[in-house]
Amino acid sequence: MGLRKYFKRYFEKHSAFFEGMGSLSIFPNSVRKPYWMKEGLTPQEQDYLAMKGDWEAVGNDLGCAMNNFKKSLANKLI
């Protein structure tokens, strides 16, 4: 096995570790913050935006699940 393949496999296996180490970053501005962590917002506003995003994601997941169920039901009836 060549050195290039060895390093590629090594970094693929340990990518989560390196991402985690990168999140500890010495360079705090190198990590992107979520959209709701804006400067100038109060903690309550940030919490509101975070919860709003969470519930929007739940709603989108439910909508997709309902559409998949309808499609599978329609396929069984045909």
Protein backbone atom coordinates (compact mmCIF):
# COMPACT_ATOMS: atom_id res chain seq x y z
CA MET A 1 0.00 0.00 0.00
CA GLY A 2 1.36 3.36 -0.98
CA LEU A 3 1.94 6.17 1.44
CA ARG A 4 -0.75 8.28 -0.20
CA LYS A 5 -3.40 5.55 0.26
CA TYR A 6 -2.29 5.00 3.84
CA PHE A 7 -2.75 8.67 4.77
CA LYS A 8 -6.05 8.89 2.91
CA ARG A 9 -7.47 5.91 4.83
CA TYR A 10 -6.06 7.20 8.10
CA PHE A 11 -7.65 10.63 7.73
CA GLU A 12 -10.97 9.16 6.57
CA LYS A 13 -11.12 6.93 9.66
CA HIS A 14 -10.18 9.74 12.03
CA SER A 15 -11.99 12.66 10.37
CA ALA A 16 -14.39 13.12 13.30
CA PHE A 17 -11.44 13.37 15.68
CA PHE A 18 -9.76 16.03 13.56
CA GLU A 19 -13.01 17.98 13.19
CA GLY A 20 -13.43 17.92 16.96
CA MET A 21 -9.87 19.08 17.50
CA GLY A 22 -10.48 21.84 14.98
CA SER A 23 -13.53 22.98 16.92
CA LEU A 24 -11.29 23.57 19.94
CA SER A 25 -9.42 25.88 17.62
CA ILE A 26 -6.82 28.36 18.66
CA PHE A 27 -8.45 30.63 16.08
CA PRO A 28 -11.93 31.41 17.44
CA ASN A 29 -13.04 33.24 14.29
CA SER A 30 -12.28 30.23 12.11
CA VAL A 31 -15.38 28.36 13.32
CA ARG A 32 -18.70 29.40 11.80
CA LYS A 33 -21.38 30.21 14.32
CA PRO A 34 -25.03 29.26 13.82
CA TYR A 35 -27.22 31.94 12.27
CA TRP A 36 -28.99 32.61 15.56
CA MET A 37 -25.77 33.50 17.42
CA LYS A 38 -25.65 37.06 16.15
CA GLU A 39 -23.90 39.92 17.89
CA GLY A 40 -26.26 42.32 19.61
CA LEU A 41 -29.05 39.84 20.33
CA THR A 42 -30.11 39.20 23.89
CA PRO A 43 -29.86 35.64 25.22
CA GLN A 44 -33.66 35.42 25.07
CA GLU A 45 -33.68 36.40 21.39
CA GLN A 46 -30.95 33.89 20.61
CA ASP A 47 -32.89 31.19 22.47
CA TYR A 48 -36.06 32.09 20.58
CA LEU A 49 -34.31 31.85 17.20
CA ALA A 50 -32.67 28.55 18.13
CA MET A 51 -35.98 27.02 19.27
CA LYS A 52 -37.75 28.38 16.20
CA GLY A 53 -35.16 26.70 13.98
CA ASP A 54 -35.52 23.43 15.87
CA TRP A 55 -39.32 23.40 15.49
CA GLU A 56 -39.06 24.33 11.81
CA ALA A 57 -36.78 21.32 11.33
CA VAL A 58 -39.29 19.10 13.18
CA GLY A 59 -42.10 20.43 10.97
CA ASN A 60 -40.08 19.77 7.82
CA ASP A 61 -39.30 16.23 8.95
CA LEU A 62 -42.97 15.55 9.70
CA GLY A 63 -43.98 16.94 6.32
CA CYS A 64 -41.49 14.68 4.54
CA ALA A 65 -42.63 11.66 6.56
CA MET A 66 -46.28 12.37 5.75
CA ASN A 67 -45.52 12.73 2.03
CA ASN A 68 -43.53 9.47 2.04
CA PHE A 69 -46.41 7.72 3.80
CA LYS A 70 -48.92 9.06 1.26
CA LYS A 71 -46.71 7.87 -1.61
CA SER A 72 -46.28 4.41 -0.11
CA LEU A 73 -50.01 4.17 0.56
CA ALA A 74 -50.80 5.21 -3.01
CA ASN A 75 -48.35 2.60 -4.34
CA LYS A 76 -50.05 -0.15 -2.28
CA LEU A 77 -53.50 0.80 -3.60
CA ILE A 78 -52.36 0.61 -7.23
